[in-house]
Amino acid sequence: MSNPKIDKAKGQVKEAVGKATGDKQLETEGKAEQASATVREKVGEITADVTEAVGNAVEGVVNVATNMKDKVTGKA
């Protein structure tokens, strides 16, 4: 998958060229590329946040399980 920042820049160029030349289709393609790139950036951010949250939750469960095991076995 290509870099969203590069795709956003390409979209901006297409939009600008489309506006300058009066090519509505090119202008619209540029806007669509920018929107798509923005969505992919946000999905990447959300994925990272979810991954971190899941990792933290797993770590918390492991800590609780270890504490319970230690209490049951008398190590606490």
PDB file of N, CA and C in Angstrom:
ATOM      1  N   MET A   1       0.846  -1.167   0.000  1.00  0.00           N
ATOM      2  CA  MET A   1       0.000   0.000   0.000  1.00  0.00           C
ATOM      3  C   MET A   1       0.897   1.236   0.000  1.00  0.00           C
ATOM      4  N   SER A   2       0.488   2.237  -0.721  1.00  0.00           N
ATOM      5  CA  SER A   2       1.329   3.428  -0.835  1.00  0.00           C
ATOM      6  C   SER A   2       1.192   4.323   0.390  1.00  0.00           C
ATOM      7  N   ASN A   3       2.099   5.252   0.495  1.00  0.00           N
ATOM      8  CA  ASN A   3       2.158   6.170   1.622  1.00  0.00           C
ATOM      9  C   ASN A   3       1.028   7.200   1.517  1.00  0.00           C
ATOM     10  N   PRO A   4       0.176   7.310   2.537  1.00  0.00           N
ATOM     11  CA  PRO A   4      -0.929   8.268   2.484  1.00  0.00           C
ATOM     12  C   PRO A   4      -0.470   9.721   2.321  1.00  0.00           C
ATOM     13  N   LYS A   5       0.665  10.072   2.902  1.00  0.00           N
ATOM     14  CA  LYS A   5       1.150  11.452   2.781  1.00  0.00           C
ATOM     15  C   LYS A   5       1.514  11.776   1.327  1.00  0.00           C
ATOM     16  N   ILE A   6       2.117  10.814   0.645  1.00  0.00           N
ATOM     17  CA  ILE A   6       2.465  11.009  -0.763  1.00  0.00           C
ATOM     18  C   ILE A   6       1.196  11.073  -1.606  1.00  0.00           C
ATOM     19  N   ASP A   7       0.245  10.188  -1.322  1.00  0.00           N
ATOM     20  CA  ASP A   7      -1.010  10.192  -2.071  1.00  0.00           C
ATOM     21  C   ASP A   7      -1.783  11.489  -1.859  1.00  0.00           C
ATOM     22  N   LYS A   8      -1.714  12.019  -0.632  1.00  0.00           N
ATOM     23  CA  LYS A   8      -2.390  13.282  -0.352  1.00  0.00           C
ATOM     24  C   LYS A   8      -1.755  14.408  -1.177  1.00  0.00           C
ATOM     25  N   ALA A   9      -0.425  14.422  -1.245  1.00  0.00           N
ATOM     26  CA  ALA A   9       0.275  15.441  -2.026  1.00  0.00           C
ATOM     27  C   ALA A   9      -0.046  15.310  -3.520  1.00  0.00           C
ATOM     28  N   LYS A  10      -0.078  14.061  -4.016  1.00  0.00           N
ATOM     29  CA  LYS A  10      -0.435  13.847  -5.424  1.00  0.00           C
ATOM     30  C   LYS A  10      -1.858  14.332  -5.690  1.00  0.00           C
ATOM     31  N   GLY A  11      -2.746  14.074  -4.740  1.00  0.00           N
ATOM     32  CA  GLY A  11      -4.121  14.536  -4.888  1.00  0.00           C
ATOM     33  C   GLY A  11      -4.206  16.053  -4.938  1.00  0.00           C
ATOM     34  N   GLN A  12      -3.402  16.711  -4.118  1.00  0.00           N
ATOM     35  CA  GLN A  12      -3.392  18.174  -4.118  1.00  0.00           C
ATOM     36  C   GLN A  12      -2.907  18.718  -5.456  1.00  0.00           C
ATOM     37  N   VAL A  13      -1.895  18.062  -6.020  1.00  0.00           N
ATOM     38  CA  VAL A  13      -1.377  18.488  -7.322  1.00  0.00           C
ATOM     39  C   VAL A  13      -2.449  18.293  -8.392  1.00  0.00           C
ATOM     40  N   LYS A  14      -3.087  17.122  -8.398  1.00  0.00           N
ATOM     41  CA  LYS A  14      -4.142  16.865  -9.385  1.00  0.00           C
ATOM     42  C   LYS A  14      -5.270  17.887  -9.263  1.00  0.00           C
ATOM     43  N   GLU A  15      -5.668  18.160  -8.028  1.00  0.00           N
ATOM     44  CA  GLU A  15      -6.742  19.127  -7.815  1.00  0.00           C
ATOM     45  C   GLU A  15      -6.342  20.500  -8.352  1.00  0.00           C
ATOM     46  N   ALA A  16      -5.126  20.925  -8.047  1.00  0.00           N
ATOM     47  CA  ALA A  16      -4.653  22.241  -8.488  1.00  0.00           C
ATOM     48  C   ALA A  16      -4.568  22.323 -10.009  1.00  0.00           C
ATOM     49  N   VAL A  17      -4.041  21.267 -10.626  1.00  0.00           N
ATOM     50  CA  VAL A  17      -3.934  21.255 -12.089  1.00  0.00           C
ATOM     51  C   VAL A  17      -5.330  21.241 -12.709  1.00  0.00           C
ATOM     52  N   GLY A  18      -6.224  20.460 -12.119  1.00  0.00           N
ATOM     53  CA  GLY A  18      -7.594  20.423 -12.617  1.00  0.00           C
ATOM     54  C   GLY A  18      -8.266  21.778 -12.528  1.00  0.00           C
ATOM     55  N   LYS A  19      -8.070  22.483 -11.418  1.00  0.00           N
ATOM     56  CA  LYS A  19      -8.639  23.828 -11.280  1.00  0.00           C
ATOM     57  C   LYS A  19      -8.033  24.786 -12.298  1.00  0.00           C
ATOM     58  N   ALA A  20      -6.707  24.715 -12.462  1.00  0.00           N
ATOM     59  CA  ALA A  20      -6.013  25.633 -13.361  1.00  0.00           C
ATOM     60  C   ALA A  20      -6.401  25.416 -14.820  1.00  0.00           C
ATOM     61  N   THR A  21      -6.671  24.168 -15.175  1.00  0.00           N
ATOM     62  CA  THR A  21      -6.988  23.857 -16.576  1.00  0.00           C
ATOM     63  C   THR A  21      -8.487  23.755 -16.836  1.00  0.00           C
ATOM     64  N   GLY A  22      -9.267  23.836 -15.769  1.00  0.00           N
ATOM     65  CA  GLY A  22     -10.709  23.712 -15.939  1.00  0.00           C
ATOM     66  C   GLY A  22     -11.171  22.274 -16.122  1.00  0.00           C
ATOM     67  N   ASP A  23     -10.306  21.317 -15.772  1.00  0.00           N
ATOM     68  CA  ASP A  23     -10.622  19.893 -15.909  1.00  0.00           C
ATOM     69  C   ASP A  23     -11.276  19.416 -14.614  1.00  0.00           C
ATOM     70  N   LYS A  24     -12.598  19.417 -14.606  1.00  0.00           N
ATOM     71  CA  LYS A  24     -13.342  19.051 -13.392  1.00  0.00           C
ATOM     72  C   LYS A  24     -13.078  17.605 -12.970  1.00  0.00           C
ATOM     73  N   GLN A  25     -12.901  16.710 -13.948  1.00  0.00           N
ATOM     74  CA  GLN A  25     -12.654  15.308 -13.610  1.00  0.00           C
ATOM     75  C   GLN A  25     -11.327  15.168 -12.868  1.00  0.00           C
ATOM     76  N   LEU A  26     -10.291  15.822 -13.357  1.00  0.00           N
ATOM     77  CA  LEU A  26      -8.982  15.758 -12.704  1.00  0.00           C
ATOM     78  C   LEU A  26      -9.052  16.392 -11.307  1.00  0.00           C
ATOM     79  N   GLU A  27      -9.765  17.497 -11.213  1.00  0.00           N
ATOM     80  CA  GLU A  27      -9.934  18.159  -9.920  1.00  0.00           C
ATOM     81  C   GLU A  27     -10.641  17.229  -8.928  1.00  0.00           C
ATOM     82  N   THR A  28     -11.670  16.558  -9.388  1.00  0.00           N
ATOM     83  CA  THR A  28     -12.419  15.634  -8.539  1.00  0.00           C
ATOM     84  C   THR A  28     -11.569  14.434  -8.152  1.00  0.00           C
ATOM     85  N   GLU A  29     -10.782  13.912  -9.084  1.00  0.00           N
ATOM     86  CA  GLU A  29      -9.876  12.799  -8.769  1.00  0.00           C
ATOM     87  C   GLU A  29      -8.893  13.209  -7.678  1.00  0.00           C
ATOM     88  N   GLY A  30      -8.399  14.426  -7.770  1.00  0.00           N
ATOM     89  CA  GLY A  30      -7.460  14.925  -6.761  1.00  0.00           C
ATOM     90  C   GLY A  30      -8.098  15.002  -5.387  1.00  0.00           C
ATOM     91  N   LYS A  31      -9.325  15.499  -5.343  1.00  0.00           N
ATOM     92  CA  LYS A  31     -10.030  15.575  -4.065  1.00  0.00           C
ATOM     93  C   LYS A  31     -10.281  14.178  -3.510  1.00  0.00           C
ATOM     94  N   ALA A  32     -10.643  13.245  -4.375  1.00  0.00           N
ATOM     95  CA  ALA A  32     -10.904  11.866  -3.943  1.00  0.00           C
ATOM     96  C   ALA A  32      -9.628  11.217  -3.401  1.00  0.00           C
ATOM     97  N   GLU A  33      -8.507  11.445  -4.067  1.00  0.00           N
ATOM     98  CA  GLU A  33      -7.233  10.885  -3.590  1.00  0.00           C
ATOM     99  C   GLU A  33      -6.876  11.442  -2.218  1.00  0.00           C
ATOM    100  N   GLN A  34      -7.114  12.717  -2.026  1.00  0.00           N
ATOM    101  CA  GLN A  34      -6.825  13.331  -0.726  1.00  0.00           C
ATOM    102  C   GLN A  34      -7.714  12.739   0.366  1.00  0.00           C
ATOM    103  N   ALA A  35      -8.979  12.572   0.055  1.00  0.00           N
ATOM    104  CA  ALA A  35      -9.909  12.002   1.039  1.00  0.00           C
ATOM    105  C   ALA A  35      -9.522  10.567   1.381  1.00  0.00           C
ATOM    106  N   SER A  36      -9.174   9.795   0.372  1.00  0.00           N
ATOM    107  CA  SER A  36      -8.767   8.409   0.580  1.00  0.00           C
ATOM    108  C   SER A  36      -7.514   8.336   1.445  1.00  0.00           C
ATOM    109  N   ALA A  37      -6.572   9.211   1.175  1.00  0.00           N
ATOM    110  CA  ALA A  37      -5.328   9.237   1.949  1.00  0.00           C
ATOM    111  C   ALA A  37      -5.602   9.614   3.398  1.00  0.00           C
ATOM    112  N   THR A  38      -6.496  10.548   3.606  1.00  0.00           N
ATOM    113  CA  THR A  38      -6.852  10.958   4.968  1.00  0.00           C
ATOM    114  C   THR A  38      -7.485   9.803   5.724  1.00  0.00           C
ATOM    115  N   VAL A  39      -8.380   9.078   5.067  1.00  0.00           N
ATOM    116  CA  VAL A  39      -9.024   7.923   5.695  1.00  0.00           C
ATOM    117  C   VAL A  39      -7.977   6.879   6.060  1.00  0.00           C
ATOM    118  N   ARG A  40      -7.043   6.589   5.162  1.00  0.00           N
ATOM    119  CA  ARG A  40      -6.003   5.602   5.452  1.00  0.00           C
ATOM    120  C   ARG A  40      -5.104   6.045   6.600  1.00  0.00           C
ATOM    121  N   GLU A  41      -4.824   7.346   6.694  1.00  0.00           N
ATOM    122  CA  GLU A  41      -4.047   7.848   7.825  1.00  0.00           C
ATOM    123  C   GLU A  41      -4.792   7.600   9.138  1.00  0.00           C
ATOM    124  N   LYS A  42      -6.073   7.917   9.150  1.00  0.00           N
ATOM    125  CA  LYS A  42      -6.878   7.745  10.372  1.00  0.00           C
ATOM    126  C   LYS A  42      -6.987   6.274  10.743  1.00  0.00           C
ATOM    127  N   VAL A  43      -7.162   5.399   9.755  1.00  0.00           N
ATOM    128  CA  VAL A  43      -7.235   3.963  10.031  1.00  0.00           C
ATOM    129  C   VAL A  43      -5.928   3.489  10.658  1.00  0.00           C
ATOM    130  N   GLY A  44      -4.805   3.980  10.150  1.00  0.00           N
ATOM    131  CA  GLY A  44      -3.506   3.629  10.720  1.00  0.00           C
ATOM    132  C   GLY A  44      -3.387   4.080  12.166  1.00  0.00           C
ATOM    133  N   GLU A  45      -3.861   5.291  12.454  1.00  0.00           N
ATOM    134  CA  GLU A  45      -3.811   5.802  13.827  1.00  0.00           C
ATOM    135  C   GLU A  45      -4.702   4.971  14.758  1.00  0.00           C
ATOM    136  N   ILE A  46      -5.897   4.654  14.298  1.00  0.00           N
ATOM    137  CA  ILE A  46      -6.831   3.864  15.103  1.00  0.00           C
ATOM    138  C   ILE A  46      -6.266   2.465  15.344  1.00  0.00           C
ATOM    139  N   THR A  47      -5.680   1.874  14.316  1.00  0.00           N
ATOM    140  CA  THR A  47      -5.084   0.545  14.454  1.00  0.00           C
ATOM    141  C   THR A  47      -3.992   0.556  15.518  1.00  0.00           C
ATOM    142  N   ALA A  48      -3.159   1.570  15.495  1.00  0.00           N
ATOM    143  CA  ALA A  48      -2.087   1.675  16.492  1.00  0.00           C
ATOM    144  C   ALA A  48      -2.664   1.835  17.890  1.00  0.00           C
ATOM    145  N   ASP A  49      -3.707   2.664  18.019  1.00  0.00           N
ATOM    146  CA  ASP A  49      -4.330   2.863  19.329  1.00  0.00           C
ATOM    147  C   ASP A  49      -4.957   1.575  19.846  1.00  0.00           C
ATOM    148  N   VAL A  50      -5.648   0.848  18.981  1.00  0.00           N
ATOM    149  CA  VAL A  50      -6.289  -0.407  19.387  1.00  0.00           C
ATOM    150  C   VAL A  50      -5.230  -1.436  19.776  1.00  0.00           C
ATOM    151  N   THR A  51      -4.170  -1.521  18.998  1.00  0.00           N
ATOM    152  CA  THR A  51      -3.085  -2.456  19.304  1.00  0.00           C
ATOM    153  C   THR A  51      -2.496  -2.162  20.677  1.00  0.00           C
ATOM    154  N   GLU A  52      -2.284  -0.896  20.965  1.00  0.00           N
ATOM    155  CA  GLU A  52      -1.743  -0.512  22.271  1.00  0.00           C
ATOM    156  C   GLU A  52      -2.727  -0.863  23.391  1.00  0.00           C
ATOM    157  N   ALA A  53      -4.002  -0.579  23.175  1.00  0.00           N
ATOM    158  CA  ALA A  53      -5.012  -0.859  24.203  1.00  0.00           C
ATOM    159  C   ALA A  53      -5.120  -2.354  24.473  1.00  0.00           C
ATOM    160  N   VAL A  54      -5.088  -3.162  23.437  1.00  0.00           N
ATOM    161  CA  VAL A  54      -5.156  -4.620  23.606  1.00  0.00           C
ATOM    162  C   VAL A  54      -3.921  -5.112  24.354  1.00  0.00           C
ATOM    163  N   GLY A  55      -2.775  -4.598  23.989  1.00  0.00           N
ATOM    164  CA  GLY A  55      -1.540  -4.978  24.677  1.00  0.00           C
ATOM    165  C   GLY A  55      -1.600  -4.637  26.158  1.00  0.00           C
ATOM    166  N   ASN A  56      -2.122  -3.450  26.462  1.00  0.00           N
ATOM    167  CA  ASN A  56      -2.252  -3.046  27.864  1.00  0.00           C
ATOM    168  C   ASN A  56      -3.237  -3.932  28.607  1.00  0.00           C
ATOM    169  N   ALA A  57      -4.332  -4.293  27.940  1.00  0.00           N
ATOM    170  CA  ALA A  57      -5.332  -5.156  28.578  1.00  0.00           C
ATOM    171  C   ALA A  57      -4.747  -6.531  28.860  1.00  0.00           C
ATOM    172  N   VAL A  58      -4.017  -7.081  27.908  1.00  0.00           N
ATOM    173  CA  VAL A  58      -3.401  -8.396  28.091  1.00  0.00           C
ATOM    174  C   VAL A  58      -2.405  -8.343  29.243  1.00  0.00           C
ATOM    175  N   GLU A  59      -1.625  -7.292  29.280  1.00  0.00           N
ATOM    176  CA  GLU A  59      -0.650  -7.134  30.366  1.00  0.00           C
ATOM    177  C   GLU A  59      -1.356  -7.073  31.723  1.00  0.00           C
ATOM    178  N   GLY A  60      -2.470  -6.361  31.777  1.00  0.00           N
ATOM    179  CA  GLY A  60      -3.237  -6.279  33.016  1.00  0.00           C
ATOM    180  C   GLY A  60      -3.785  -7.628  33.443  1.00  0.00           C
ATOM    181  N   VAL A  61      -4.287  -8.395  32.505  1.00  0.00           N
ATOM    182  CA  VAL A  61      -4.820  -9.725  32.812  1.00  0.00           C
ATOM    183  C   VAL A  61      -3.710 -10.633  33.314  1.00  0.00           C
ATOM    184  N   VAL A  62      -2.560 -10.576  32.685  1.00  0.00           N
ATOM    185  CA  VAL A  62      -1.422 -11.396  33.114  1.00  0.00           C
ATOM    186  C   VAL A  62      -1.020 -11.030  34.541  1.00  0.00           C
ATOM    187  N   ASN A  63      -1.003  -9.733  34.840  1.00  0.00           N
ATOM    188  CA  ASN A  63      -0.643  -9.301  36.201  1.00  0.00           C
ATOM    189  C   ASN A  63      -1.649  -9.811  37.233  1.00  0.00           C
ATOM    190  N   VAL A  64      -2.938  -9.701  36.905  1.00  0.00           N
ATOM    191  CA  VAL A  64      -3.966 -10.176  37.831  1.00  0.00           C
ATOM    192  C   VAL A  64      -3.846 -11.685  38.021  1.00  0.00           C
ATOM    193  N   ALA A  65      -3.670 -12.412  36.932  1.00  0.00           N
ATOM    194  CA  ALA A  65      -3.545 -13.871  37.019  1.00  0.00           C
ATOM    195  C   ALA A  65      -2.321 -14.264  37.837  1.00  0.00           C
ATOM    196  N   THR A  66      -1.225 -13.572  37.661  1.00  0.00           N
ATOM    197  CA  THR A  66      -0.006 -13.859  38.420  1.00  0.00           C
ATOM    198  C   THR A  66      -0.225 -13.588  39.902  1.00  0.00           C
ATOM    199  N   ASN A  67      -0.873 -12.478  40.211  1.00  0.00           N
ATOM    200  CA  ASN A  67      -1.155 -12.150  41.609  1.00  0.00           C
ATOM    201  C   ASN A  67      -2.066 -13.198  42.245  1.00  0.00           C
ATOM    202  N   MET A  68      -3.081 -13.621  41.511  1.00  0.00           N
ATOM    203  CA  MET A  68      -3.999 -14.643  42.045  1.00  0.00           C
ATOM    204  C   MET A  68      -3.252 -15.956  42.265  1.00  0.00           C
ATOM    205  N   LYS A  69      -2.415 -16.335  41.313  1.00  0.00           N
ATOM    206  CA  LYS A  69      -1.635 -17.577  41.442  1.00  0.00           C
ATOM    207  C   LYS A  69      -0.722 -17.511  42.656  1.00  0.00           C
ATOM    208  N   ASP A  70      -0.084 -16.353  42.828  1.00  0.00           N
ATOM    209  CA  ASP A  70       0.823 -16.187  43.969  1.00  0.00           C
ATOM    210  C   ASP A  70       0.055 -16.290  45.296  1.00  0.00           C
ATOM    211  N   LYS A  71      -1.132 -15.753  45.354  1.00  0.00           N
ATOM    212  CA  LYS A  71      -1.938 -15.818  46.577  1.00  0.00           C
ATOM    213  C   LYS A  71      -2.361 -17.264  46.847  1.00  0.00           C
ATOM    214  N   VAL A  72      -2.748 -17.978  45.798  1.00  0.00           N
ATOM    215  CA  VAL A  72      -3.202 -19.360  45.961  1.00  0.00           C
ATOM    216  C   VAL A  72      -2.048 -20.261  46.384  1.00  0.00           C
ATOM    217  N   THR A  73      -0.878 -20.018  45.823  1.00  0.00           N
ATOM    218  CA  THR A  73       0.275 -20.880  46.126  1.00  0.00           C
ATOM    219  C   THR A  73       1.044 -20.394  47.345  1.00  0.00           C
ATOM    220  N   GLY A  74       0.634 -19.248  47.917  1.00  0.00           N
ATOM    221  CA  GLY A  74       1.285 -18.741  49.118  1.00  0.00           C
ATOM    222  C   GLY A  74       2.546 -17.973  48.861  1.00  0.00           C
ATOM    223  N   LYS A  75       2.791 -17.548  47.641  1.00  0.00           N
ATOM    224  CA  LYS A  75       3.998 -16.782  47.317  1.00  0.00           C
ATOM    225  C   LYS A  75       3.816 -15.280  47.548  1.00  0.00           C
ATOM    226  N   ALA A  76       2.601 -14.865  47.832  1.00  0.00           N
ATOM    227  CA  ALA A  76       2.365 -13.418  47.995  1.00  0.00           C
ATOM    228  C   ALA A  76       2.524 -12.975  49.423  1.00  0.00           C
TER     229      ALA A  76
END
